[in-house]
């Protein structure tokens, strides 16, 4: 896909969003029988995969911005050493 935002890219995004909403979210509001869960999961996965590739939303970049702490917020010994070096 091209790097700039184009009409085609926006149009495909809107079409995918409508198909996703109609298939997965629509049955909640229309009172009809929802599709099998396998179809719902596969459509949701394909929707987010295509959107991520088209708009450059990659998991690596998102995960690099998330800090996970398992020490309960207490500083570790090596954290104190890093601060003393500054």
Protein backbone atom coordinates (compact mmCIF):
# COMPACT_ATOMS: atom_id res chain seq x y z
CA UNK A 1 0.00 0.00 0.00
CA UNK A 2 1.19 3.54 -0.58
CA UNK A 3 2.55 5.52 2.35
CA UNK A 4 0.23 8.49 1.91
CA UNK A 5 -3.44 8.42 2.79
CA UNK A 6 -5.34 7.87 -0.42
CA UNK A 7 -8.98 7.68 -1.34
CA UNK A 8 -8.65 3.95 -2.09
CA UNK A 9 -7.11 3.23 1.29
CA UNK A 10 -9.86 5.14 3.08
CA UNK A 11 -12.56 3.48 0.98
CA UNK A 12 -11.23 -0.03 1.70
CA UNK A 13 -11.07 0.82 5.41
CA UNK A 14 -14.69 1.94 5.41
CA UNK A 15 -15.83 -1.16 3.50
CA UNK A 16 -13.98 -3.44 5.93
CA UNK A 17 -15.45 -1.59 8.90
CA UNK A 18 -18.98 -1.94 7.53
CA UNK A 19 -18.53 -5.67 6.84
CA UNK A 20 -17.03 -6.19 10.29
CA UNK A 21 -19.79 -4.24 12.02
CA UNK A 22 -22.57 -5.92 10.04
CA UNK A 23 -21.24 -9.43 10.62
CA UNK A 24 -19.92 -9.31 14.16
CA UNK A 25 -21.66 -6.41 15.86
CA UNK A 26 -24.90 -6.26 13.86
CA UNK A 27 -26.62 -9.30 15.37
CA UNK A 28 -26.45 -7.69 18.82
CA UNK A 29 -28.69 -4.85 17.68
CA UNK A 30 -30.80 -6.49 14.98
CA UNK A 31 -32.05 -9.37 17.11
CA UNK A 32 -30.95 -12.05 14.62
CA UNK A 33 -28.93 -15.19 15.15
CA UNK A 34 -25.20 -14.35 15.25
CA UNK A 35 -22.79 -16.21 12.97
CA UNK A 36 -20.72 -19.05 14.43
CA UNK A 37 -17.95 -17.95 16.78
CA UNK A 38 -15.29 -19.28 14.38
CA UNK A 39 -16.50 -16.88 11.70
CA UNK A 40 -16.66 -13.99 14.16
CA UNK A 41 -13.09 -14.56 15.31
CA UNK A 42 -11.73 -14.97 11.79
CA UNK A 43 -13.49 -11.83 10.52
CA UNK A 44 -12.26 -9.83 13.54
CA UNK A 45 -8.70 -11.08 13.06
CA UNK A 46 -8.71 -10.33 9.33
CA UNK A 47 -10.19 -6.88 9.96
CA UNK A 48 -7.50 -5.87 12.44
CA UNK A 49 -4.71 -7.52 10.43
CA UNK A 50 -5.58 -5.67 7.22
CA UNK A 51 -6.12 -2.37 9.02
CA UNK A 52 -2.83 -2.70 10.87
CA UNK A 53 -0.93 -3.37 7.65
CA UNK A 54 -2.68 -0.62 5.70
CA UNK A 55 -2.29 2.13 8.30
CA UNK A 56 1.11 1.05 9.66
CA UNK A 57 -0.08 0.02 13.12
CA UNK A 58 2.38 -2.67 14.10
CA UNK A 59 2.42 -4.65 17.31
CA UNK A 60 6.16 -4.20 17.82
CA UNK A 61 5.81 -0.43 17.98
CA UNK A 62 2.81 -0.62 20.28
CA UNK A 63 4.42 -3.13 22.63
CA UNK A 64 7.64 -1.10 22.89
CA UNK A 65 5.63 1.73 24.43
CA UNK A 66 4.17 -0.44 27.21
CA UNK A 67 6.14 -0.83 30.43
CA UNK A 68 5.32 -3.83 32.58
CA UNK A 69 6.56 -3.84 36.15
CA UNK A 70 6.58 -6.98 38.27
CA UNK A 71 8.37 -5.55 41.31
CA UNK A 72 5.39 -3.73 42.79
CA UNK A 73 6.84 -0.32 42.02
CA UNK A 74 9.84 -0.74 44.31
CA UNK A 75 13.20 0.23 42.81
CA UNK A 76 15.65 -2.58 42.24
CA UNK A 77 19.35 -2.48 43.11
CA UNK A 78 20.42 -2.05 39.49
CA UNK A 79 17.98 0.89 39.13
CA UNK A 80 19.80 2.73 41.91
CA UNK A 81 23.15 2.12 40.22
CA UNK A 82 21.85 3.61 36.99
CA UNK A 83 20.68 6.76 38.76
CA UNK A 84 24.01 7.24 40.54
CA UNK A 85 25.87 7.19 37.21
CA UNK A 86 23.94 10.19 35.91
